[in-house]
């Protein structure tokens, strides 16, 4: 309907099975991580103390932002906690987090995680949306899997907070955690 071609990966932790849509794009093509980078930005922000916890508020800068279709980004144009910013995918919140982390520290963590091509480029506050940083969906799902098994080089507390904000649905049968990402070429 929207004339886009994508890919999708789902890991069923209980069954130990992957479900992949469009396998060749999933494993062989690198993309800008777009909003999925909020996972890594949150991990680094918490680990370095730039984000205290999921309740940390960053004040709105007063700039009224709009989406490409012209709609006002109402959910972004206010003071937000990390948890709220993650849920509404608030780009300005995470731009500020990246600025607080700084280029050298961000680069250290991208290298440590072996995250995609590790490339930040010229701007610390948009490299995950401007096609500087690229990662395959397969690599990204691998990172999330390591997060859920506590295998990332972050403190347990850091990983637990990020897992908590990623949780989208929970009931007696399952827990569904994710962060979608949508970018432009």
C-alpha atoms as a PDB file:
ATOM      1  CA  UNK A   1       0.000   0.000   0.000  1.00  0.00           C
ATOM      2  CA  UNK A   2       2.848   2.416   0.808  1.00  0.00           C
ATOM      3  CA  UNK A   3       5.089   1.167  -2.028  1.00  0.00           C
ATOM      4  CA  UNK A   4       7.939   0.154   0.267  1.00  0.00           C
ATOM      5  CA  UNK A   5       9.884  -3.068   0.510  1.00  0.00           C
ATOM      6  CA  UNK A   6      11.048  -4.140   3.914  1.00  0.00           C
ATOM      7  CA  UNK A   7      12.175  -7.041   5.990  1.00  0.00           C
ATOM      8  CA  UNK A   8      11.154  -8.423   9.339  1.00  0.00           C
ATOM      9  CA  UNK A   9      12.771 -10.689  11.891  1.00  0.00           C
ATOM     10  CA  UNK A  10      11.159 -12.270  14.931  1.00  0.00           C
ATOM     11  CA  UNK A  11      12.936 -14.420  17.484  1.00  0.00           C
ATOM     12  CA  UNK A  12      10.688 -16.709  19.534  1.00  0.00           C
ATOM     13  CA  UNK A  13      12.684 -17.122  22.719  1.00  0.00           C
ATOM     14  CA  UNK A  14      10.451 -19.911  24.026  1.00  0.00           C
ATOM     15  CA  UNK A  15      10.847 -22.077  20.926  1.00  0.00           C
ATOM     16  CA  UNK A  16      14.320 -20.860  19.958  1.00  0.00           C
ATOM     17  CA  UNK A  17      13.070 -20.157  16.437  1.00  0.00           C
ATOM     18  CA  UNK A  18      13.467 -17.286  14.013  1.00  0.00           C
ATOM     19  CA  UNK A  19      10.764 -16.091  11.648  1.00  0.00           C
ATOM     20  CA  UNK A  20      12.153 -14.010   8.820  1.00  0.00           C
ATOM     21  CA  UNK A  21      10.314 -12.142   6.086  1.00  0.00           C
ATOM     22  CA  UNK A  22      12.396 -11.366   2.985  1.00  0.00           C
ATOM     23  CA  UNK A  23      15.499 -13.339   4.017  1.00  0.00           C
ATOM     24  CA  UNK A  24      17.891 -11.907   1.413  1.00  0.00           C
ATOM     25  CA  UNK A  25      17.212  -8.331   2.580  1.00  0.00           C
ATOM     26  CA  UNK A  26      17.404  -9.474   6.193  1.00  0.00           C
ATOM     27  CA  UNK A  27      20.867 -11.005   6.073  1.00  0.00           C
ATOM     28  CA  UNK A  28      22.608  -9.335   3.140  1.00  0.00           C
ATOM     29  CA  UNK A  29      21.518  -5.695   3.060  1.00  0.00           C
ATOM     30  CA  UNK A  30      22.639  -2.970   5.462  1.00  0.00           C
ATOM     31  CA  UNK A  31      20.328  -0.085   6.293  1.00  0.00           C
ATOM     32  CA  UNK A  32      20.321   2.993   8.434  1.00  0.00           C
ATOM     33  CA  UNK A  33      19.002   1.825  11.815  1.00  0.00           C
ATOM     34  CA  UNK A  34      16.661   4.813  12.174  1.00  0.00           C
ATOM     35  CA  UNK A  35      14.508   4.486  15.284  1.00  0.00           C
ATOM     36  CA  UNK A  36      15.833   1.041  16.172  1.00  0.00           C
ATOM     37  CA  UNK A  37      19.026   2.859  17.246  1.00  0.00           C
ATOM     38  CA  UNK A  38      17.084   4.086  20.283  1.00  0.00           C
ATOM     39  CA  UNK A  39      17.900   0.676  21.790  1.00  0.00           C
ATOM     40  CA  UNK A  40      21.653   1.289  21.550  1.00  0.00           C
ATOM     41  CA  UNK A  41      21.374   5.002  22.357  1.00  0.00           C
ATOM     42  CA  UNK A  42      19.450   4.063  25.533  1.00  0.00           C
ATOM     43  CA  UNK A  43      21.976   1.394  26.529  1.00  0.00           C
ATOM     44  CA  UNK A  44      24.925   3.761  26.085  1.00  0.00           C
ATOM     45  CA  UNK A  45      23.084   6.669  27.716  1.00  0.00           C
ATOM     46  CA  UNK A  46      22.263   4.648  30.834  1.00  0.00           C
ATOM     47  CA  UNK A  47      25.645   2.931  31.047  1.00  0.00           C
ATOM     48  CA  UNK A  48      27.497   6.262  30.867  1.00  0.00           C
ATOM     49  CA  UNK A  49      25.119   8.026  33.277  1.00  0.00           C
ATOM     50  CA  UNK A  50      23.841  10.476  30.651  1.00  0.00           C
ATOM     51  CA  UNK A  51      20.440   8.881  31.294  1.00  0.00           C
ATOM     52  CA  UNK A  52      19.858   8.111  34.972  1.00  0.00           C
ATOM     53  CA  UNK A  53      16.958   5.714  34.414  1.00  0.00           C
ATOM     54  CA  UNK A  54      13.801   5.343  32.344  1.00  0.00           C
ATOM     55  CA  UNK A  55      12.109   8.135  34.326  1.00  0.00           C
ATOM     56  CA  UNK A  56      14.772  10.733  33.466  1.00  0.00           C
ATOM     57  CA  UNK A  57      13.109  13.813  32.037  1.00  0.00           C
ATOM     58  CA  UNK A  58      14.620  15.912  29.288  1.00  0.00           C
ATOM     59  CA  UNK A  59      12.942  19.262  28.880  1.00  0.00           C
ATOM     60  CA  UNK A  60      11.406  20.109  25.529  1.00  0.00           C
ATOM     61  CA  UNK A  61      13.456  22.738  23.664  1.00  0.00           C
ATOM     62  CA  UNK A  62      10.302  24.579  22.553  1.00  0.00           C
ATOM     63  CA  UNK A  63      10.783  23.784  18.860  1.00  0.00           C
ATOM     64  CA  UNK A  64       7.517  22.601  17.294  1.00  0.00           C
ATOM     65  CA  UNK A  65       8.350  19.666  15.068  1.00  0.00           C
ATOM     66  CA  UNK A  66       6.304  18.223  12.233  1.00  0.00           C
ATOM     67  CA  UNK A  67       6.356  14.892  10.464  1.00  0.00           C
ATOM     68  CA  UNK A  68       7.096  14.688   6.711  1.00  0.00           C
ATOM     69  CA  UNK A  69       3.354  14.510   5.997  1.00  0.00           C
ATOM     70  CA  UNK A  70       2.859  17.876   7.739  1.00  0.00           C
ATOM     71  CA  UNK A  71       1.254  16.577  10.932  1.00  0.00           C
ATOM     72  CA  UNK A  72       2.555  18.156  14.122  1.00  0.00           C
ATOM     73  CA  UNK A  73       4.623  15.736  16.202  1.00  0.00           C
ATOM     74  CA  UNK A  74       2.419  16.334  19.253  1.00  0.00           C
ATOM     75  CA  UNK A  75       3.896  13.406  21.200  1.00  0.00           C
ATOM     76  CA  UNK A  76       7.410  14.863  20.770  1.00  0.00           C
ATOM     77  CA  UNK A  77       6.654  18.520  21.500  1.00  0.00           C
ATOM     78  CA  UNK A  78       6.753  18.336  25.290  1.00  0.00           C
ATOM     79  CA  UNK A  79       8.981  17.321  28.184  1.00  0.00           C
ATOM     80  CA  UNK A  80       9.560  13.558  28.011  1.00  0.00           C
ATOM     81  CA  UNK A  81      11.034  10.793  30.124  1.00  0.00           C
ATOM     82  CA  UNK A  82      13.218   8.211  28.427  1.00  0.00           C
ATOM     83  CA  UNK A  83      10.422   5.657  28.666  1.00  0.00           C
ATOM     84  CA  UNK A  84       7.938   8.035  27.015  1.00  0.00           C
ATOM     85  CA  UNK A  85      10.461   9.083  24.364  1.00  0.00           C
ATOM     86  CA  UNK A  86      11.186   5.457  23.503  1.00  0.00           C
ATOM     87  CA  UNK A  87       7.498   4.565  23.181  1.00  0.00           C
ATOM     88  CA  UNK A  88       6.690   7.531  20.898  1.00  0.00           C
ATOM     89  CA  UNK A  89      10.041   7.293  19.111  1.00  0.00           C
ATOM     90  CA  UNK A  90      10.916  10.910  19.951  1.00  0.00           C
ATOM     91  CA  UNK A  91      13.854  11.832  17.762  1.00  0.00           C
ATOM     92  CA  UNK A  92      14.643  15.135  19.591  1.00  0.00           C
ATOM     93  CA  UNK A  93      15.016  13.354  22.958  1.00  0.00           C
ATOM     94  CA  UNK A  94      17.529  10.917  21.529  1.00  0.00           C
ATOM     95  CA  UNK A  95      19.385  13.657  19.663  1.00  0.00           C
ATOM     96  CA  UNK A  96      19.972  15.306  23.032  1.00  0.00           C
ATOM     97  CA  UNK A  97      21.057  11.989  24.572  1.00  0.00           C
ATOM     98  CA  UNK A  98      23.599  11.509  21.752  1.00  0.00           C
ATOM     99  CA  UNK A  99      24.940  15.051  22.244  1.00  0.00           C
ATOM    100  CA  UNK A 100      25.353  14.336  25.970  1.00  0.00           C
ATOM    101  CA  UNK A 101      27.140  11.053  25.233  1.00  0.00           C
ATOM    102  CA  UNK A 102      29.530  12.739  22.786  1.00  0.00           C
ATOM    103  CA  UNK A 103      31.217  11.486  19.650  1.00  0.00           C
ATOM    104  CA  UNK A 104      34.239   9.767  21.228  1.00  0.00           C
ATOM    105  CA  UNK A 105      32.198   7.849  23.804  1.00  0.00           C
ATOM    106  CA  UNK A 106      29.576   6.913  21.229  1.00  0.00           C
ATOM    107  CA  UNK A 107      32.287   5.653  18.867  1.00  0.00           C
ATOM    108  CA  UNK A 108      33.869   3.608  21.678  1.00  0.00           C
ATOM    109  CA  UNK A 109      30.576   1.817  22.318  1.00  0.00           C
ATOM    110  CA  UNK A 110      29.748   1.278  18.630  1.00  0.00           C
ATOM    111  CA  UNK A 111      33.193  -0.311  18.234  1.00  0.00           C
ATOM    112  CA  UNK A 112      32.778  -2.380  21.419  1.00  0.00           C
ATOM    113  CA  UNK A 113      29.398  -3.670  20.251  1.00  0.00           C
ATOM    114  CA  UNK A 114      30.670  -4.181  16.683  1.00  0.00           C
ATOM    115  CA  UNK A 115      27.478  -2.359  15.732  1.00  0.00           C
ATOM    116  CA  UNK A 116      27.043  -2.271  11.977  1.00  0.00           C
ATOM    117  CA  UNK A 117      29.716  -0.289  10.145  1.00  0.00           C
ATOM    118  CA  UNK A 118      30.494   1.719  13.369  1.00  0.00           C
ATOM    119  CA  UNK A 119      30.300   4.985  11.354  1.00  0.00           C
ATOM    120  CA  UNK A 120      29.163   8.201  13.016  1.00  0.00           C
ATOM    121  CA  UNK A 121      30.122  10.694  10.326  1.00  0.00           C
ATOM    122  CA  UNK A 122      30.081  14.441  10.927  1.00  0.00           C
ATOM    123  CA  UNK A 123      27.068  14.885  13.189  1.00  0.00           C
ATOM    124  CA  UNK A 124      26.608  13.232  16.569  1.00  0.00           C
ATOM    125  CA  UNK A 125      22.884  13.935  16.718  1.00  0.00           C
ATOM    126  CA  UNK A 126      21.625  12.289  13.504  1.00  0.00           C
ATOM    127  CA  UNK A 127      24.125   9.703  12.251  1.00  0.00           C
ATOM    128  CA  UNK A 128      21.607   6.880  12.806  1.00  0.00           C
ATOM    129  CA  UNK A 129      19.101   8.477  10.396  1.00  0.00           C
ATOM    130  CA  UNK A 130      21.297  10.127   7.742  1.00  0.00           C
ATOM    131  CA  UNK A 131      22.746   6.909   6.266  1.00  0.00           C
ATOM    132  CA  UNK A 132      26.176   7.265   7.947  1.00  0.00           C
ATOM    133  CA  UNK A 133      25.569   4.295  10.243  1.00  0.00           C
ATOM    134  CA  UNK A 134      24.441   1.077   8.537  1.00  0.00           C
ATOM    135  CA  UNK A 135      23.564  -2.327   9.991  1.00  0.00           C
ATOM    136  CA  UNK A 136      21.957  -5.473   8.652  1.00  0.00           C
ATOM    137  CA  UNK A 137      18.670  -6.541  10.239  1.00  0.00           C
ATOM    138  CA  UNK A 138      20.359  -9.852  11.068  1.00  0.00           C
ATOM    139  CA  UNK A 139      23.067  -8.032  13.059  1.00  0.00           C
ATOM    140  CA  UNK A 140      20.442  -5.939  14.783  1.00  0.00           C
ATOM    141  CA  UNK A 141      18.359  -8.944  15.808  1.00  0.00           C
ATOM    142  CA  UNK A 142      21.578 -10.529  17.079  1.00  0.00           C
ATOM    143  CA  UNK A 143      22.172  -7.487  19.274  1.00  0.00           C
ATOM    144  CA  UNK A 144      18.645  -7.679  20.690  1.00  0.00           C
ATOM    145  CA  UNK A 145      19.030 -11.406  21.332  1.00  0.00           C
ATOM    146  CA  UNK A 146      22.272 -10.740  23.241  1.00  0.00           C
ATOM    147  CA  UNK A 147      20.445  -8.022  25.193  1.00  0.00           C
ATOM    148  CA  UNK A 148      17.748 -10.463  26.291  1.00  0.00           C
ATOM    149  CA  UNK A 149      20.295 -13.043  27.378  1.00  0.00           C
ATOM    150  CA  UNK A 150      22.374 -10.436  29.242  1.00  0.00           C
ATOM    151  CA  UNK A 151      25.361 -10.923  26.936  1.00  0.00           C
ATOM    152  CA  UNK A 152      26.092  -7.298  26.066  1.00  0.00           C
ATOM    153  CA  UNK A 153      29.038  -5.429  27.647  1.00  0.00           C
ATOM    154  CA  UNK A 154      26.714  -3.363  29.844  1.00  0.00           C
ATOM    155  CA  UNK A 155      25.734  -3.667  33.482  1.00  0.00           C
ATOM    156  CA  UNK A 156      22.736  -5.874  34.243  1.00  0.00           C
ATOM    157  CA  UNK A 157      20.800  -2.808  35.469  1.00  0.00           C
ATOM    158  CA  UNK A 158      21.368  -1.031  32.137  1.00  0.00           C
ATOM    159  CA  UNK A 159      20.138  -4.012  30.138  1.00  0.00           C
ATOM    160  CA  UNK A 160      17.143  -4.530  32.447  1.00  0.00           C
ATOM    161  CA  UNK A 161      15.984  -0.921  32.041  1.00  0.00           C
ATOM    162  CA  UNK A 162      16.188  -1.105  28.239  1.00  0.00           C
ATOM    163  CA  UNK A 163      14.376  -4.453  28.169  1.00  0.00           C
ATOM    164  CA  UNK A 164      11.651  -2.899  30.325  1.00  0.00           C
ATOM    165  CA  UNK A 165      11.059   0.033  27.959  1.00  0.00           C
ATOM    166  CA  UNK A 166      11.100  -2.260  24.910  1.00  0.00           C
ATOM    167  CA  UNK A 167       8.212  -4.330  26.287  1.00  0.00           C
ATOM    168  CA  UNK A 168       5.126  -3.567  24.192  1.00  0.00           C
ATOM    169  CA  UNK A 169       2.730  -6.407  25.093  1.00  0.00           C
ATOM    170  CA  UNK A 170       2.630  -8.804  28.012  1.00  0.00           C
ATOM    171  CA  UNK A 171       0.075 -11.407  29.045  1.00  0.00           C
ATOM    172  CA  UNK A 172      -0.048 -14.939  30.458  1.00  0.00           C
ATOM    173  CA  UNK A 173       0.986 -16.436  27.106  1.00  0.00           C
ATOM    174  CA  UNK A 174       3.786 -14.193  25.892  1.00  0.00           C
ATOM    175  CA  UNK A 175       5.819 -11.022  26.136  1.00  0.00           C
ATOM    176  CA  UNK A 176       6.425  -9.038  22.974  1.00  0.00           C
ATOM    177  CA  UNK A 177       9.268  -6.529  22.932  1.00  0.00           C
ATOM    178  CA  UNK A 178      10.417  -4.496  19.976  1.00  0.00           C
ATOM    179  CA  UNK A 179      11.460  -1.195  18.498  1.00  0.00           C
ATOM    180  CA  UNK A 180      10.504  -0.498  14.941  1.00  0.00           C
ATOM    181  CA  UNK A 181      12.524   1.652  12.590  1.00  0.00           C
ATOM    182  CA  UNK A 182      11.603   3.422   9.410  1.00  0.00           C
ATOM    183  CA  UNK A 183      14.134   5.331   7.348  1.00  0.00           C
ATOM    184  CA  UNK A 184      14.617   6.930   3.965  1.00  0.00           C
ATOM    185  CA  UNK A 185      17.308   6.376   1.362  1.00  0.00           C
END
